[in-house]
Amino acid sequence: MADHKIAGLGFHHVGLKASDYDRSRAFYTALGMKEILSWGEGERAISLFDIGDGGKIEIFANGGEAFSSNGKWIHFAFKVDDVDAAYANALAAGATVMTPPKTVELASRPYLATIRVAFVYGPDGEQIELFRELEDKRG
């Protein structure tokens, strides 16, 4: 297989259709994200939030209750310094419990990793992972 690297390739953002645009904007702001751009009005309003490490979330108004037909995703993950504090903050901001914080030793390759992880549901039922790698045992 030929090597077809794309110059400057990197993660930019995840798009999220919100059933309640204002509630989603308030939720992600309460998690500590900063709204860096917004455009459009009413049902065409869009906001772009900086996660804090260069990655972004784009919130679209008029998401309705139906799932998008352009694909499925399982969750999006945020790396955090303190999973337990981030989990408590997310719940205080309106998230609902999916999986409380836990430490998991992964039988991973090429090295063994230990992670601290929790999952919450955001305002539109989006699955949000709060993640921190605690230890890696490289051999």
C-alpha atoms as a PDB file:
ATOM      1  CA  MET A   1       0.000   0.000   0.000  1.00  0.00           C
ATOM      2  CA  ALA A   2       1.396   3.383  -0.991  1.00  0.00           C
ATOM      3  CA  ASP A   3       2.120   5.987   1.676  1.00  0.00           C
ATOM      4  CA  HIS A   4      -0.255   8.896   1.051  1.00  0.00           C
ATOM      5  CA  LYS A   5       0.356  11.258   3.943  1.00  0.00           C
ATOM      6  CA  ILE A   6      -1.706  14.417   4.022  1.00  0.00           C
ATOM      7  CA  ALA A   7       0.364  17.452   4.989  1.00  0.00           C
ATOM      8  CA  GLY A   8      -0.812  19.095   8.199  1.00  0.00           C
ATOM      9  CA  LEU A   9      -3.306  16.345   9.039  1.00  0.00           C
ATOM     10  CA  GLY A  10      -4.722  16.565  12.563  1.00  0.00           C
ATOM     11  CA  PHE A  11      -7.963  16.518  14.514  1.00  0.00           C
ATOM     12  CA  HIS A  12     -10.060  19.693  14.262  1.00  0.00           C
ATOM     13  CA  HIS A  13     -13.622  19.152  15.529  1.00  0.00           C
ATOM     14  CA  VAL A  14     -16.634  16.927  16.088  1.00  0.00           C
ATOM     15  CA  GLY A  15     -20.018  18.236  14.915  1.00  0.00           C
ATOM     16  CA  LEU A  16     -23.077  17.792  17.127  1.00  0.00           C
ATOM     17  CA  LYS A  17     -26.695  18.530  16.211  1.00  0.00           C
ATOM     18  CA  ALA A  18     -28.343  19.849  19.374  1.00  0.00           C
ATOM     19  CA  SER A  19     -32.044  19.448  20.102  1.00  0.00           C
ATOM     20  CA  ASP A  20     -31.754  22.469  22.441  1.00  0.00           C
ATOM     21  CA  TYR A  21     -28.990  24.739  21.147  1.00  0.00           C
ATOM     22  CA  ASP A  22     -28.880  27.049  24.176  1.00  0.00           C
ATOM     23  CA  ARG A  23     -28.832  24.133  26.647  1.00  0.00           C
ATOM     24  CA  SER A  24     -25.935  22.499  24.767  1.00  0.00           C
ATOM     25  CA  ARG A  25     -23.990  25.767  24.615  1.00  0.00           C
ATOM     26  CA  ALA A  26     -24.464  26.259  28.371  1.00  0.00           C
ATOM     27  CA  PHE A  27     -23.436  22.647  29.080  1.00  0.00           C
ATOM     28  CA  TYR A  28     -20.158  22.774  27.137  1.00  0.00           C
ATOM     29  CA  THR A  29     -19.362  26.217  28.571  1.00  0.00           C
ATOM     30  CA  ALA A  30     -19.917  24.801  32.098  1.00  0.00           C
ATOM     31  CA  LEU A  31     -17.418  22.022  31.292  1.00  0.00           C
ATOM     32  CA  GLY A  32     -14.830  24.755  30.741  1.00  0.00           C
ATOM     33  CA  MET A  33     -14.864  25.060  26.968  1.00  0.00           C
ATOM     34  CA  LYS A  34     -14.701  28.449  25.286  1.00  0.00           C
ATOM     35  CA  GLU A  35     -16.985  29.492  22.457  1.00  0.00           C
ATOM     36  CA  ILE A  36     -14.573  30.856  19.847  1.00  0.00           C
ATOM     37  CA  LEU A  37     -16.889  31.384  16.852  1.00  0.00           C
ATOM     38  CA  SER A  38     -20.591  31.491  16.176  1.00  0.00           C
ATOM     39  CA  TRP A  39     -22.572  32.239  13.048  1.00  0.00           C
ATOM     40  CA  GLY A  40     -26.077  32.013  11.707  1.00  0.00           C
ATOM     41  CA  GLU A  41     -29.274  32.683  13.617  1.00  0.00           C
ATOM     42  CA  GLY A  42     -32.294  30.787  14.846  1.00  0.00           C
ATOM     43  CA  GLU A  43     -32.512  27.302  13.383  1.00  0.00           C
ATOM     44  CA  ARG A  44     -29.305  27.943  11.400  1.00  0.00           C
ATOM     45  CA  ALA A  45     -27.167  28.954  14.395  1.00  0.00           C
ATOM     46  CA  ILE A  46     -23.788  27.246  14.829  1.00  0.00           C
ATOM     47  CA  SER A  47     -21.165  27.628  17.559  1.00  0.00           C
ATOM     48  CA  LEU A  48     -17.590  26.366  17.649  1.00  0.00           C
ATOM     49  CA  PHE A  49     -16.072  25.585  21.056  1.00  0.00           C
ATOM     50  CA  ASP A  50     -12.381  25.112  21.840  1.00  0.00           C
ATOM     51  CA  ILE A  51     -11.921  22.038  24.039  1.00  0.00           C
ATOM     52  CA  GLY A  52      -8.676  23.490  25.368  1.00  0.00           C
ATOM     53  CA  ASP A  53      -5.990  21.527  23.557  1.00  0.00           C
ATOM     54  CA  GLY A  54      -6.744  22.621  20.020  1.00  0.00           C
ATOM     55  CA  GLY A  55      -9.630  20.208  19.391  1.00  0.00           C
ATOM     56  CA  LYS A  56     -13.103  21.631  18.940  1.00  0.00           C
ATOM     57  CA  ILE A  57     -16.819  20.814  19.111  1.00  0.00           C
ATOM     58  CA  GLU A  58     -19.225  22.395  16.652  1.00  0.00           C
ATOM     59  CA  ILE A  59     -22.807  22.738  17.931  1.00  0.00           C
ATOM     60  CA  PHE A  60     -25.644  23.017  15.374  1.00  0.00           C
ATOM     61  CA  ALA A  61     -29.102  24.337  16.239  1.00  0.00           C
ATOM     62  CA  ASN A  62     -32.248  22.574  15.014  1.00  0.00           C
ATOM     63  CA  GLY A  63     -30.893  19.085  15.663  1.00  0.00           C
ATOM     64  CA  GLY A  64     -34.302  17.702  16.531  1.00  0.00           C
ATOM     65  CA  GLU A  65     -34.726  14.389  18.282  1.00  0.00           C
ATOM     66  CA  ALA A  66     -33.932  12.126  15.305  1.00  0.00           C
ATOM     67  CA  PHE A  67     -30.530  10.614  14.674  1.00  0.00           C
ATOM     68  CA  SER A  68     -28.545  11.798  11.674  1.00  0.00           C
ATOM     69  CA  SER A  69     -28.534   9.582   8.602  1.00  0.00           C
ATOM     70  CA  ASN A  70     -24.928  10.453   7.751  1.00  0.00           C
ATOM     71  CA  GLY A  71     -23.293   7.981  10.082  1.00  0.00           C
ATOM     72  CA  LYS A  72     -23.082   6.758  13.638  1.00  0.00           C
ATOM     73  CA  TRP A  73     -20.484   7.328  16.291  1.00  0.00           C
ATOM     74  CA  ILE A  74     -20.101   5.661  19.684  1.00  0.00           C
ATOM     75  CA  HIS A  75     -18.738   8.513  21.806  1.00  0.00           C
ATOM     76  CA  PHE A  76     -16.224  11.283  21.904  1.00  0.00           C
ATOM     77  CA  ALA A  77     -13.508  11.381  24.532  1.00  0.00           C
ATOM     78  CA  PHE A  78     -11.940  14.246  26.411  1.00  0.00           C
ATOM     79  CA  LYS A  79      -8.562  13.801  28.018  1.00  0.00           C
ATOM     80  CA  VAL A  80      -8.607  15.289  31.516  1.00  0.00           C
ATOM     81  CA  ASP A  81      -6.175  15.635  34.414  1.00  0.00           C
ATOM     82  CA  ASP A  82      -8.698  14.429  37.037  1.00  0.00           C
ATOM     83  CA  VAL A  83     -11.443  12.064  35.841  1.00  0.00           C
ATOM     84  CA  ASP A  84     -13.360  12.185  39.135  1.00  0.00           C
ATOM     85  CA  ALA A  85     -13.443  16.000  39.242  1.00  0.00           C
ATOM     86  CA  ALA A  86     -14.390  16.226  35.551  1.00  0.00           C
ATOM     87  CA  TYR A  87     -17.171  13.663  36.108  1.00  0.00           C
ATOM     88  CA  ALA A  88     -18.567  15.625  39.079  1.00  0.00           C
ATOM     89  CA  ASN A  89     -18.382  18.846  37.055  1.00  0.00           C
ATOM     90  CA  ALA A  90     -20.192  17.273  34.104  1.00  0.00           C
ATOM     91  CA  LEU A  91     -22.992  15.996  36.365  1.00  0.00           C
ATOM     92  CA  ALA A  92     -23.297  19.421  38.013  1.00  0.00           C
ATOM     93  CA  ALA A  93     -23.564  20.947  34.512  1.00  0.00           C
ATOM     94  CA  GLY A  94     -26.502  18.698  33.629  1.00  0.00           C
ATOM     95  CA  ALA A  95     -24.960  15.476  32.310  1.00  0.00           C
ATOM     96  CA  THR A  96     -26.486  12.171  33.371  1.00  0.00           C
ATOM     97  CA  VAL A  97     -24.682   9.093  34.611  1.00  0.00           C
ATOM     98  CA  MET A  98     -23.592   6.449  32.152  1.00  0.00           C
ATOM     99  CA  THR A  99     -20.529   4.854  33.848  1.00  0.00           C
ATOM    100  CA  PRO A 100     -19.064   6.280  37.068  1.00  0.00           C
ATOM    101  CA  PRO A 101     -15.275   6.727  37.294  1.00  0.00           C
ATOM    102  CA  LYS A 102     -13.250   3.546  37.412  1.00  0.00           C
ATOM    103  CA  THR A 103      -9.661   2.423  36.931  1.00  0.00           C
ATOM    104  CA  VAL A 104      -9.070  -0.200  34.259  1.00  0.00           C
ATOM    105  CA  GLU A 105      -5.929  -2.197  33.549  1.00  0.00           C
ATOM    106  CA  LEU A 106      -5.932  -2.876  29.845  1.00  0.00           C
ATOM    107  CA  ALA A 107      -4.440  -6.018  28.342  1.00  0.00           C
ATOM    108  CA  SER A 108      -3.189  -3.752  25.577  1.00  0.00           C
ATOM    109  CA  ARG A 109      -0.476  -3.926  22.915  1.00  0.00           C
ATOM    110  CA  PRO A 110       2.265  -2.893  22.362  1.00  0.00           C
ATOM    111  CA  TYR A 111       2.374  -1.945  26.053  1.00  0.00           C
ATOM    112  CA  LEU A 112       0.175  -2.497  29.110  1.00  0.00           C
ATOM    113  CA  ALA A 113      -1.754   0.621  30.075  1.00  0.00           C
ATOM    114  CA  THR A 114      -3.812   1.570  33.110  1.00  0.00           C
ATOM    115  CA  ILE A 115      -6.523   4.172  32.590  1.00  0.00           C
ATOM    116  CA  ARG A 116      -9.029   6.099  34.692  1.00  0.00           C
ATOM    117  CA  VAL A 117     -12.287   6.558  32.797  1.00  0.00           C
ATOM    118  CA  ALA A 118     -15.898   7.659  33.215  1.00  0.00           C
ATOM    119  CA  PHE A 119     -18.795   8.167  30.819  1.00  0.00           C
ATOM    120  CA  VAL A 120     -21.709  10.598  30.934  1.00  0.00           C
ATOM    121  CA  TYR A 121     -24.596  11.453  28.643  1.00  0.00           C
ATOM    122  CA  GLY A 122     -24.641  15.052  27.415  1.00  0.00           C
ATOM    123  CA  PRO A 123     -27.753  17.176  26.788  1.00  0.00           C
ATOM    124  CA  ASP A 124     -28.687  15.334  23.584  1.00  0.00           C
ATOM    125  CA  GLY A 125     -27.797  11.868  24.841  1.00  0.00           C
ATOM    126  CA  GLU A 126     -24.316  12.079  23.322  1.00  0.00           C
ATOM    127  CA  GLN A 127     -21.899   9.721  25.025  1.00  0.00           C
ATOM    128  CA  ILE A 128     -18.932  11.571  26.483  1.00  0.00           C
ATOM    129  CA  GLU A 129     -15.859   9.755  27.780  1.00  0.00           C
ATOM    130  CA  LEU A 130     -13.599  11.397  30.359  1.00  0.00           C
ATOM    131  CA  PHE A 131     -10.206   9.746  30.034  1.00  0.00           C
ATOM    132  CA  ARG A 132      -6.774   9.753  31.622  1.00  0.00           C
ATOM    133  CA  GLU A 133      -3.941   7.304  31.067  1.00  0.00           C
ATOM    134  CA  LEU A 134      -2.484   6.668  34.528  1.00  0.00           C
ATOM    135  CA  GLU A 135       0.384   4.376  33.712  1.00  0.00           C
ATOM    136  CA  ASP A 136       1.994   2.568  30.876  1.00  0.00           C
ATOM    137  CA  LYS A 137       4.298  -0.368  31.339  1.00  0.00           C
ATOM    138  CA  ARG A 138       6.475  -0.358  28.300  1.00  0.00           C
ATOM    139  CA  GLY A 139       8.705  -3.359  28.188  1.00  0.00           C
END
